[in-house]
Every structure is written in structure tokens, then in C-alpha cells.
Amino acid sequence: MNTETARHIAQTLQVSPYTERRQHPLDNAQENLGGRTYYADTQTLRHSKARILSARPVSCGAFFLIIESCALDYQNTRRGFRAVLFDLTGGIVYRPNLEQCRRTRDQASADFHKWFGTFDGLGHYCAEMNRRADTYAQQIVQLQDAAAVLVQLQDAAAALAALQDEGVIA
């Protein structure tokens, strides 16, 4: 994916592409993902006992990748590493479950890059845009139906007022 395509997708989705905003991974993740997802919020990280070790845009800003260290059990006695990939809407595109976490950061990164080599980013956004278009089409039909009901109510009220003006009904 090139920069122009990433910008076009972001503009269509009415968001900005991801950028390298901060040096520190946590700050970079929070600034990029803020308003899109709760995943990197301080309270969420504290609750899940997770730490963001790496955070950066990928595919010219069309996606955002973090590498995290997370608790593998409730007591936080075992930790694992995993990559998490977000799309421009803040949706999670790739995240291994806790059982799939790796022992090292490098292993988690290697797993992600292997998966990403087969990932169709353009197809992902095409499906997202089609899903949104279907939702908007349904909303249009609902709005048109609601407007038609209001017109009927307005016509009925006008007819009732006319009958009252003519003295047909009190």
C-alpha cells in the first residue's frame, strides 16, 4: 500500500492516517489510538496488566502495530508477548489470544510479519467500506420511512383541522 492510497482510505473513513507522533511507544500508541479504541488507555493497560513495548504505523499509516507484554494469568505470574494490529477505525485486525502469546518480543514480531505477508489490507478496507455503505443504505430507508409517516400524520392533522374549521366535528 502506498501513501496516497492510505490517505484516500483515511479520508473516506473520515479519520487521519496513523503517524509516528511520539518517541516513547506508550505515548505514540495513546496519541494515535486515542478516540479510536480504548486498547491503549492507561486504565485498560493497568487492568489487563499489559505494557506497550513498541508502537508504530505500518502500510504508510493505514494500520497501527503495537507489540505488548501481557499477563498470561490473573495473578500476573506469567507474561507473554504478542503483536496487535489496528485498522484506521481502531478495530483489531490481528491479535493472538493469550494461549498464542510468545516467550519473546522477537518471536511475537516474527509471527506478526509472517501473518502480515499474507494479509490483504486493501481487501480489508474494501469490506469495511461495503459494510458501512450497507449500513448507510439501511439508515436511508429507515429515514425515508420515518419521513413518510410524519407526512401522513401531518396530512391527517391538516384534514382534522379543516373538518373542525368547517364545523363538521367539534
N, C-alpha and C. Protein backbone atom coordinates (compact mmCIF):
# COMPACT_ATOMS: atom_id res chain seq x y z
N MET A 1 0.85 -1.17 0.00
CA MET A 1 0.00 0.00 0.00
C MET A 1 0.90 1.23 0.00
N ASN A 2 0.51 2.23 -0.79
CA ASN A 2 1.32 3.45 -0.82
C ASN A 2 0.64 4.56 -0.01
N THR A 3 1.35 5.66 0.17
CA THR A 3 0.88 6.77 0.99
C THR A 3 -0.41 7.37 0.45
N GLU A 4 -0.50 7.52 -0.85
CA GLU A 4 -1.70 8.10 -1.46
C GLU A 4 -2.92 7.22 -1.19
N THR A 5 -2.76 5.93 -1.33
CA THR A 5 -3.88 5.00 -1.08
C THR A 5 -4.29 5.06 0.39
N ALA A 6 -3.31 5.06 1.29
CA ALA A 6 -3.62 5.13 2.73
C ALA A 6 -4.36 6.43 3.05
N ARG A 7 -3.93 7.54 2.47
CA ARG A 7 -4.62 8.82 2.70
C ARG A 7 -6.04 8.79 2.16
N HIS A 8 -6.21 8.20 0.99
CA HIS A 8 -7.55 8.11 0.39
C HIS A 8 -8.49 7.28 1.27
N ILE A 9 -8.00 6.16 1.76
CA ILE A 9 -8.81 5.32 2.65
C ILE A 9 -9.17 6.09 3.92
N ALA A 10 -8.18 6.74 4.52
CA ALA A 10 -8.42 7.51 5.74
C ALA A 10 -9.44 8.62 5.50
N GLN A 11 -9.30 9.33 4.40
CA GLN A 11 -10.23 10.41 4.08
C GLN A 11 -11.65 9.86 3.89
N THR A 12 -11.78 8.75 3.21
CA THR A 12 -13.09 8.13 3.00
C THR A 12 -13.72 7.72 4.32
N LEU A 13 -12.91 7.22 5.25
CA LEU A 13 -13.41 6.81 6.56
C LEU A 13 -13.51 7.98 7.55
N GLN A 14 -13.12 9.16 7.10
CA GLN A 14 -13.17 10.39 7.90
C GLN A 14 -12.32 10.31 9.16
N VAL A 15 -11.11 9.79 8.98
CA VAL A 15 -10.12 9.73 10.05
C VAL A 15 -8.78 10.16 9.46
N SER A 16 -7.78 10.30 10.31
CA SER A 16 -6.45 10.62 9.80
C SER A 16 -5.60 9.36 9.80
N PRO A 17 -4.66 9.28 8.87
CA PRO A 17 -3.75 8.12 8.87
C PRO A 17 -2.91 8.12 10.15
N TYR A 18 -2.43 6.97 10.52
CA TYR A 18 -1.53 6.88 11.66
C TYR A 18 -0.18 7.48 11.30
N THR A 19 0.45 8.11 12.27
CA THR A 19 1.77 8.69 12.07
C THR A 19 2.66 8.37 13.27
N GLU A 20 3.93 8.57 13.08
CA GLU A 20 4.89 8.42 14.17
C GLU A 20 4.88 9.75 14.92
N ARG A 21 4.15 9.82 16.01
CA ARG A 21 3.92 11.10 16.70
C ARG A 21 4.84 11.30 17.89
N ARG A 22 5.18 10.24 18.55
CA ARG A 22 5.98 10.34 19.77
C ARG A 22 7.11 9.31 19.75
N GLN A 23 8.15 9.60 20.50
CA GLN A 23 9.29 8.70 20.60
C GLN A 23 8.96 7.49 21.47
N HIS A 24 8.33 7.73 22.61
CA HIS A 24 8.03 6.66 23.55
C HIS A 24 6.85 5.83 23.04
N PRO A 25 6.97 4.50 23.03
CA PRO A 25 5.92 3.64 22.46
C PRO A 25 4.53 3.85 23.09
N LEU A 26 4.46 3.96 24.41
CA LEU A 26 3.16 4.14 25.05
C LEU A 26 2.52 5.46 24.62
N ASP A 27 3.30 6.54 24.62
CA ASP A 27 2.78 7.84 24.20
C ASP A 27 2.34 7.80 22.74
N ASN A 28 3.13 7.16 21.90
CA ASN A 28 2.80 7.06 20.48
C ASN A 28 1.49 6.28 20.28
N ALA A 29 1.35 5.17 21.00
CA ALA A 29 0.12 4.38 20.89
C ALA A 29 -1.08 5.15 21.40
N GLN A 30 -0.94 5.80 22.53
CA GLN A 30 -2.07 6.53 23.09
C GLN A 30 -2.48 7.70 22.21
N GLU A 31 -1.52 8.39 21.64
CA GLU A 31 -1.87 9.52 20.78
C GLU A 31 -2.51 9.07 19.46
N ASN A 32 -2.01 8.00 18.89
CA ASN A 32 -2.57 7.50 17.63
C ASN A 32 -3.90 6.79 17.81
N LEU A 33 -4.03 6.00 18.85
CA LEU A 33 -5.23 5.19 19.03
C LEU A 33 -6.31 5.89 19.84
N GLY A 34 -5.96 6.98 20.51
CA GLY A 34 -6.94 7.72 21.31
C GLY A 34 -8.10 8.18 20.45
N GLY A 35 -9.32 7.96 20.94
CA GLY A 35 -10.51 8.32 20.19
C GLY A 35 -10.94 7.25 19.20
N ARG A 36 -10.10 6.26 18.98
CA ARG A 36 -10.45 5.17 18.05
C ARG A 36 -10.73 3.88 18.81
N THR A 37 -10.00 3.66 19.90
CA THR A 37 -10.15 2.45 20.69
C THR A 37 -9.64 2.72 22.11
N TYR A 38 -10.14 1.97 23.04
CA TYR A 38 -9.72 2.08 24.43
C TYR A 38 -8.46 1.27 24.71
N TYR A 39 -7.98 0.50 23.75
CA TYR A 39 -6.96 -0.53 23.96
C TYR A 39 -5.70 0.01 24.64
N ALA A 40 -5.27 1.21 24.29
CA ALA A 40 -4.02 1.74 24.83
C ALA A 40 -4.23 2.72 25.98
N ASP A 41 -5.47 2.86 26.43
CA ASP A 41 -5.74 3.76 27.56
C ASP A 41 -5.02 3.25 28.80
N THR A 42 -4.59 4.17 29.63
CA THR A 42 -3.84 3.82 30.84
C THR A 42 -4.62 2.86 31.73
N GLN A 43 -5.91 3.13 31.94
CA GLN A 43 -6.73 2.26 32.80
C GLN A 43 -6.87 0.86 32.20
N THR A 44 -7.04 0.78 30.90
CA THR A 44 -7.18 -0.53 30.26
C THR A 44 -5.88 -1.32 30.40
N LEU A 45 -4.76 -0.66 30.17
CA LEU A 45 -3.47 -1.34 30.29
C LEU A 45 -3.24 -1.80 31.73
N ARG A 46 -3.59 -0.95 32.68
CA ARG A 46 -3.42 -1.31 34.09
C ARG A 46 -4.30 -2.51 34.44
N HIS A 47 -5.55 -2.46 34.00
CA HIS A 47 -6.49 -3.55 34.31
C HIS A 47 -6.02 -4.88 33.71
N SER A 48 -5.54 -4.84 32.48
CA SER A 48 -5.10 -6.08 31.82
C SER A 48 -3.64 -6.42 32.10
N LYS A 49 -2.99 -5.57 32.89
CA LYS A 49 -1.57 -5.78 33.24
C LYS A 49 -0.69 -5.88 31.99
N ALA A 50 -0.96 -5.00 31.03
CA ALA A 50 -0.23 -5.03 29.76
C ALA A 50 0.72 -3.83 29.68
N ARG A 51 1.78 -4.01 28.92
CA ARG A 51 2.74 -2.94 28.67
C ARG A 51 3.00 -2.87 27.17
N ILE A 52 2.99 -1.67 26.64
CA ILE A 52 3.26 -1.47 25.22
C ILE A 52 4.76 -1.25 25.06
N LEU A 53 5.39 -2.15 24.32
CA LEU A 53 6.84 -2.11 24.15
C LEU A 53 7.26 -1.46 22.83
N SER A 54 6.36 -1.52 21.84
CA SER A 54 6.65 -0.97 20.53
C SER A 54 5.32 -0.49 19.95
N ALA A 55 5.36 0.64 19.24
CA ALA A 55 4.14 1.17 18.63
C ALA A 55 4.54 1.98 17.40
N ARG A 56 3.94 1.61 16.26
CA ARG A 56 4.30 2.33 15.03
C ARG A 56 3.25 2.11 13.95
N PRO A 57 3.14 3.08 13.05
CA PRO A 57 2.25 2.88 11.90
C PRO A 57 2.89 1.91 10.91
N VAL A 58 2.05 1.17 10.20
CA VAL A 58 2.51 0.29 9.12
C VAL A 58 1.65 0.55 7.89
N SER A 59 2.12 0.10 6.77
CA SER A 59 1.43 0.30 5.48
C SER A 59 1.11 1.77 5.25
N CYS A 60 2.12 2.59 5.39
CA CYS A 60 2.01 4.04 5.12
C CYS A 60 0.94 4.71 5.98
N GLY A 61 0.71 4.19 7.18
CA GLY A 61 -0.24 4.80 8.10
C GLY A 61 -1.65 4.24 8.00
N ALA A 62 -1.86 3.22 7.19
CA ALA A 62 -3.18 2.62 7.06
C ALA A 62 -3.50 1.69 8.23
N PHE A 63 -2.48 1.24 8.95
CA PHE A 63 -2.64 0.36 10.10
C PHE A 63 -1.67 0.81 11.19
N PHE A 64 -1.94 0.36 12.42
CA PHE A 64 -1.06 0.69 13.54
C PHE A 64 -0.73 -0.59 14.29
N LEU A 65 0.55 -0.81 14.52
CA LEU A 65 1.04 -2.04 15.14
C LEU A 65 1.63 -1.75 16.51
N ILE A 66 1.22 -2.53 17.48
CA ILE A 66 1.89 -2.49 18.78
C ILE A 66 2.39 -3.89 19.11
N ILE A 67 3.47 -3.93 19.86
CA ILE A 67 3.94 -5.17 20.47
C ILE A 67 3.76 -4.95 21.96
N GLU A 68 3.05 -5.89 22.58
CA GLU A 68 2.78 -5.73 24.00
C GLU A 68 3.27 -6.93 24.79
N SER A 69 3.55 -6.67 26.05
CA SER A 69 3.81 -7.70 27.02
C SER A 69 2.55 -7.76 27.87
N CYS A 70 2.00 -8.96 28.04
CA CYS A 70 0.73 -9.05 28.77
C CYS A 70 0.76 -10.21 29.77
N ALA A 71 -0.07 -10.08 30.79
CA ALA A 71 -0.19 -11.13 31.80
C ALA A 71 -0.89 -12.34 31.18
N LEU A 72 -0.35 -13.51 31.41
CA LEU A 72 -0.94 -14.74 30.88
C LEU A 72 -1.87 -15.40 31.90
N ASP A 73 -1.85 -14.90 33.12
CA ASP A 73 -2.78 -15.40 34.14
C ASP A 73 -3.20 -14.23 35.03
N TYR A 74 -4.24 -14.46 35.79
CA TYR A 74 -4.83 -13.39 36.60
C TYR A 74 -3.85 -12.87 37.65
N GLN A 75 -3.00 -13.74 38.16
CA GLN A 75 -2.04 -13.34 39.19
C GLN A 75 -0.81 -12.64 38.62
N ASN A 76 -0.70 -12.59 37.30
CA ASN A 76 0.43 -11.95 36.62
C ASN A 76 1.75 -12.65 36.96
N THR A 77 1.69 -13.97 37.10
CA THR A 77 2.91 -14.72 37.40
C THR A 77 3.63 -15.15 36.13
N ARG A 78 2.89 -15.16 35.02
CA ARG A 78 3.49 -15.50 33.72
C ARG A 78 3.14 -14.40 32.74
N ARG A 79 4.10 -14.04 31.89
CA ARG A 79 3.88 -12.99 30.90
C ARG A 79 4.22 -13.52 29.52
N GLY A 80 3.59 -12.91 28.53
CA GLY A 80 3.85 -13.29 27.15
C GLY A 80 3.88 -12.04 26.27
N PHE A 81 4.27 -12.25 25.04
CA PHE A 81 4.39 -11.15 24.09
C PHE A 81 3.49 -11.44 22.89
N ARG A 82 2.88 -10.38 22.37
CA ARG A 82 2.08 -10.53 21.16
C ARG A 82 2.02 -9.19 20.42
N ALA A 83 1.81 -9.31 19.12
CA ALA A 83 1.60 -8.14 18.28
C ALA A 83 0.10 -7.93 18.17
N VAL A 84 -0.30 -6.66 18.07
CA VAL A 84 -1.70 -6.31 17.88
C VAL A 84 -1.74 -5.26 16.76
N LEU A 85 -2.56 -5.52 15.75
CA LEU A 85 -2.67 -4.61 14.60
C LEU A 85 -4.07 -4.00 14.59
N PHE A 86 -4.12 -2.68 14.44
CA PHE A 86 -5.38 -1.93 14.40
C PHE A 86 -5.57 -1.33 13.02
N ASP A 87 -6.83 -1.27 12.58
CA ASP A 87 -7.12 -0.55 11.34
C ASP A 87 -7.43 0.91 11.69
N LEU A 88 -7.76 1.69 10.69
CA LEU A 88 -7.96 3.13 10.88
C LEU A 88 -9.17 3.45 11.76
N THR A 89 -10.09 2.51 11.90
CA THR A 89 -11.26 2.74 12.75
C THR A 89 -10.98 2.37 14.20
N GLY A 90 -9.81 1.80 14.47
CA GLY A 90 -9.47 1.34 15.81
C GLY A 90 -9.83 -0.11 16.02
N GLY A 91 -10.35 -0.74 14.99
CA GLY A 91 -10.69 -2.15 15.08
C GLY A 91 -9.45 -3.02 15.09
N ILE A 92 -9.51 -4.10 15.84
CA ILE A 92 -8.38 -5.03 15.91
C ILE A 92 -8.44 -5.96 14.71
N VAL A 93 -7.36 -5.98 13.95
CA VAL A 93 -7.27 -6.81 12.76
C VAL A 93 -6.49 -8.10 13.06
N TYR A 94 -5.51 -7.99 13.93
CA TYR A 94 -4.68 -9.16 14.28
C TYR A 94 -4.36 -9.08 15.77
N ARG A 95 -4.65 -10.13 16.49
CA ARG A 95 -4.26 -10.23 17.90
C ARG A 95 -4.36 -11.68 18.32
N PRO A 96 -3.23 -12.33 18.51
CA PRO A 96 -3.27 -13.71 19.01
C PRO A 96 -3.91 -13.74 20.40
N ASN A 97 -4.57 -14.84 20.73
CA ASN A 97 -5.12 -14.96 22.08
C ASN A 97 -4.00 -15.25 23.07
N LEU A 98 -4.33 -15.27 24.35
CA LEU A 98 -3.29 -15.42 25.37
C LEU A 98 -2.52 -16.73 25.24
N GLU A 99 -3.20 -17.78 24.79
CA GLU A 99 -2.52 -19.07 24.64
C GLU A 99 -1.51 -19.04 23.48
N GLN A 100 -1.68 -18.09 22.57
CA GLN A 100 -0.77 -17.98 21.42
C GLN A 100 0.35 -16.97 21.65
N CYS A 101 0.39 -16.36 22.82
CA CYS A 101 1.47 -15.41 23.11
C CYS A 101 2.81 -16.12 23.09
N ARG A 102 3.82 -15.36 22.77
CA ARG A 102 5.16 -15.94 22.63
C ARG A 102 6.03 -15.59 23.83
N ARG A 103 7.15 -16.26 23.94
CA ARG A 103 8.06 -16.05 25.08
C ARG A 103 8.92 -14.81 24.91
N THR A 104 9.13 -14.39 23.65
CA THR A 104 9.96 -13.21 23.43
C THR A 104 9.27 -12.23 22.49
N ARG A 105 9.70 -11.02 22.59
CA ARG A 105 9.19 -9.95 21.71
C ARG A 105 9.51 -10.26 20.25
N ASP A 106 10.72 -10.75 20.01
CA ASP A 106 11.13 -11.06 18.63
C ASP A 106 10.27 -12.16 18.02
N GLN A 107 9.90 -13.16 18.81
CA GLN A 107 9.03 -14.23 18.31
C GLN A 107 7.65 -13.68 17.96
N ALA A 108 7.13 -12.81 18.81
CA ALA A 108 5.81 -12.21 18.54
C ALA A 108 5.86 -11.38 17.27
N SER A 109 6.94 -10.64 17.09
CA SER A 109 7.10 -9.83 15.90
C SER A 109 7.22 -10.70 14.65
N ALA A 110 7.96 -11.79 14.76
CA ALA A 110 8.12 -12.71 13.62
C ALA A 110 6.78 -13.35 13.25
N ASP A 111 5.99 -13.72 14.24
CA ASP A 111 4.66 -14.29 13.96
C ASP A 111 3.81 -13.27 13.21
N PHE A 112 3.84 -12.03 13.67
CA PHE A 112 3.05 -11.00 13.01
C PHE A 112 3.49 -10.82 11.56
N HIS A 113 4.78 -10.69 11.32
CA HIS A 113 5.28 -10.44 9.96
C HIS A 113 4.96 -11.62 9.03
N LYS A 114 4.98 -12.81 9.56
CA LYS A 114 4.60 -13.98 8.75
C LYS A 114 3.12 -13.85 8.36
N TRP A 115 2.26 -13.51 9.33
CA TRP A 115 0.83 -13.34 9.04
C TRP A 115 0.61 -12.16 8.10
N PHE A 116 1.28 -11.06 8.34
CA PHE A 116 1.08 -9.84 7.56
C PHE A 116 1.46 -10.02 6.10
N GLY A 117 2.38 -10.92 5.85
CA GLY A 117 2.78 -11.21 4.47
C GLY A 117 1.65 -11.81 3.65
N THR A 118 0.64 -12.36 4.31
CA THR A 118 -0.50 -12.95 3.60
C THR A 118 -1.76 -12.10 3.73
N PHE A 119 -1.68 -11.01 4.48
CA PHE A 119 -2.84 -10.18 4.76
C PHE A 119 -3.15 -9.26 3.58
N ASP A 120 -4.42 -9.14 3.23
CA ASP A 120 -4.88 -8.26 2.15
C ASP A 120 -5.46 -6.98 2.76
N GLY A 121 -4.62 -5.98 2.94
CA GLY A 121 -5.05 -4.72 3.53
C GLY A 121 -6.10 -4.00 2.71
N LEU A 122 -5.93 -3.98 1.40
CA LEU A 122 -6.92 -3.33 0.54
C LEU A 122 -8.25 -4.06 0.61
N GLY A 123 -8.22 -5.37 0.65
CA GLY A 123 -9.44 -6.16 0.78
C GLY A 123 -10.13 -5.90 2.11
N HIS A 124 -9.34 -5.72 3.16
CA HIS A 124 -9.89 -5.42 4.48
C HIS A 124 -10.70 -4.12 4.42
N TYR A 125 -10.10 -3.08 3.83
CA TYR A 125 -10.79 -1.79 3.77
C TYR A 125 -11.95 -1.80 2.78
N CYS A 126 -11.83 -2.55 1.72
CA CYS A 126 -12.94 -2.69 0.77
C CYS A 126 -14.15 -3.29 1.49
N ALA A 127 -13.93 -4.34 2.28
CA ALA A 127 -15.02 -4.96 3.03
C ALA A 127 -15.60 -4.00 4.05
N GLU A 128 -14.76 -3.23 4.72
CA GLU A 128 -15.23 -2.25 5.70
C GLU A 128 -16.08 -1.17 5.04
N MET A 129 -15.66 -0.69 3.90
CA MET A 129 -16.42 0.35 3.20
C MET A 129 -17.75 -0.20 2.70
N ASN A 130 -17.76 -1.43 2.20
CA ASN A 130 -19.01 -2.05 1.77
C ASN A 130 -19.96 -2.26 2.96
N ARG A 131 -19.41 -2.66 4.10
CA ARG A 131 -20.23 -2.83 5.30
C ARG A 131 -20.86 -1.50 5.70
N ARG A 132 -20.06 -0.45 5.69
CA ARG A 132 -20.58 0.88 6.04
C ARG A 132 -21.63 1.35 5.03
N ALA A 133 -21.37 1.10 3.76
CA ALA A 133 -22.34 1.50 2.72
C ALA A 133 -23.67 0.79 2.93
N ASP A 134 -23.63 -0.49 3.29
CA ASP A 134 -24.86 -1.24 3.57
C ASP A 134 -25.59 -0.64 4.77
N THR A 135 -24.84 -0.30 5.80
CA THR A 135 -25.44 0.31 6.99
C THR A 135 -26.09 1.65 6.65
N TYR A 136 -25.38 2.47 5.88
CA TYR A 136 -25.94 3.77 5.48
C TYR A 136 -27.19 3.59 4.61
N ALA A 137 -27.19 2.61 3.73
CA ALA A 137 -28.35 2.35 2.88
C ALA A 137 -29.56 1.98 3.74
N GLN A 138 -29.34 1.16 4.76
CA GLN A 138 -30.42 0.80 5.68
C GLN A 138 -30.92 2.03 6.44
N GLN A 139 -30.00 2.89 6.85
CA GLN A 139 -30.39 4.11 7.55
C GLN A 139 -31.19 5.04 6.65
N ILE A 140 -30.84 5.11 5.38
CA ILE A 140 -31.58 5.95 4.43
C ILE A 140 -33.01 5.45 4.31
N VAL A 141 -33.19 4.16 4.17
CA VAL A 141 -34.54 3.58 4.06
C VAL A 141 -35.34 3.88 5.34
N GLN A 142 -34.70 3.72 6.50
CA GLN A 142 -35.40 4.00 7.76
C GLN A 142 -35.79 5.47 7.86
N LEU A 143 -34.91 6.37 7.45
CA LEU A 143 -35.22 7.80 7.48
C LEU A 143 -36.35 8.14 6.53
N GLN A 144 -36.31 7.56 5.34
CA GLN A 144 -37.39 7.81 4.37
C GLN A 144 -38.73 7.28 4.88
N ASP A 145 -38.73 6.11 5.49
CA ASP A 145 -39.96 5.55 6.06
C ASP A 145 -40.49 6.44 7.18
N ALA A 146 -39.58 6.91 8.05
CA ALA A 146 -40.00 7.78 9.15
C ALA A 146 -40.56 9.10 8.61
N ALA A 147 -39.94 9.64 7.59
CA ALA A 147 -40.44 10.89 6.98
C ALA A 147 -41.81 10.67 6.37
N ALA A 148 -42.05 9.54 5.73
CA ALA A 148 -43.35 9.24 5.14
C ALA A 148 -44.43 9.16 6.22
N VAL A 149 -44.12 8.57 7.36
CA VAL A 149 -45.07 8.50 8.46
C VAL A 149 -45.39 9.91 8.96
N LEU A 150 -44.36 10.75 9.07
CA LEU A 150 -44.59 12.13 9.52
C LEU A 150 -45.46 12.90 8.54
N VAL A 151 -45.28 12.67 7.26
CA VAL A 151 -46.12 13.33 6.24
C VAL A 151 -47.56 12.87 6.41
N GLN A 152 -47.77 11.58 6.64
CA GLN A 152 -49.13 11.05 6.84
C GLN A 152 -49.77 11.67 8.09
N LEU A 153 -48.99 11.80 9.17
CA LEU A 153 -49.50 12.42 10.39
C LEU A 153 -49.84 13.89 10.15
N GLN A 154 -48.98 14.55 9.41
CA GLN A 154 -49.20 15.96 9.10
C GLN A 154 -50.46 16.12 8.24
N ASP A 155 -50.64 15.27 7.26
CA ASP A 155 -51.84 15.32 6.41
C ASP A 155 -53.10 15.04 7.23
N ALA A 156 -53.02 14.06 8.14
CA ALA A 156 -54.18 13.73 8.97
C ALA A 156 -54.52 14.90 9.89
N ALA A 157 -53.51 15.54 10.45
CA ALA A 157 -53.75 16.69 11.33
C ALA A 157 -54.37 17.84 10.54
N ALA A 158 -53.91 18.06 9.32
CA ALA A 158 -54.46 19.13 8.49
C ALA A 158 -55.91 18.83 8.11
N ALA A 159 -56.23 17.56 7.81
CA ALA A 159 -57.59 17.18 7.46
C ALA A 159 -58.51 17.35 8.67
N LEU A 160 -58.03 16.98 9.84
CA LEU A 160 -58.81 17.15 11.06
C LEU A 160 -59.08 18.62 11.33
N ALA A 161 -58.07 19.45 11.16
CA ALA A 161 -58.23 20.89 11.37
C ALA A 161 -59.23 21.47 10.38
N ALA A 162 -59.20 21.01 9.14
CA ALA A 162 -60.14 21.50 8.13
C ALA A 162 -61.58 21.12 8.50
N LEU A 163 -61.77 19.90 8.97
CA LEU A 163 -63.11 19.46 9.40
C LEU A 163 -63.61 20.27 10.59
N GLN A 164 -62.67 20.60 11.49
CA GLN A 164 -63.06 21.41 12.63
C GLN A 164 -63.41 22.84 12.20
N ASP A 165 -62.65 23.38 11.27
CA ASP A 165 -62.92 24.73 10.75
C ASP A 165 -64.30 24.78 10.05
N GLU A 166 -64.68 23.70 9.40
CA GLU A 166 -65.95 23.66 8.68
C GLU A 166 -67.10 23.35 9.62
N GLY A 167 -66.77 23.02 10.87
CA GLY A 167 -67.81 22.72 11.84
C GLY A 167 -68.37 21.33 11.74
N VAL A 168 -67.75 20.49 10.93
CA VAL A 168 -68.21 19.12 10.79
C VAL A 168 -68.02 18.35 12.10
N ILE A 169 -66.91 18.62 12.76
CA ILE A 169 -66.64 18.00 14.07
C ILE A 169 -66.25 19.09 15.04
N ALA A 170 -66.50 18.82 16.29
CA ALA A 170 -66.24 19.83 17.31
C ALA A 170 -64.84 19.76 17.84
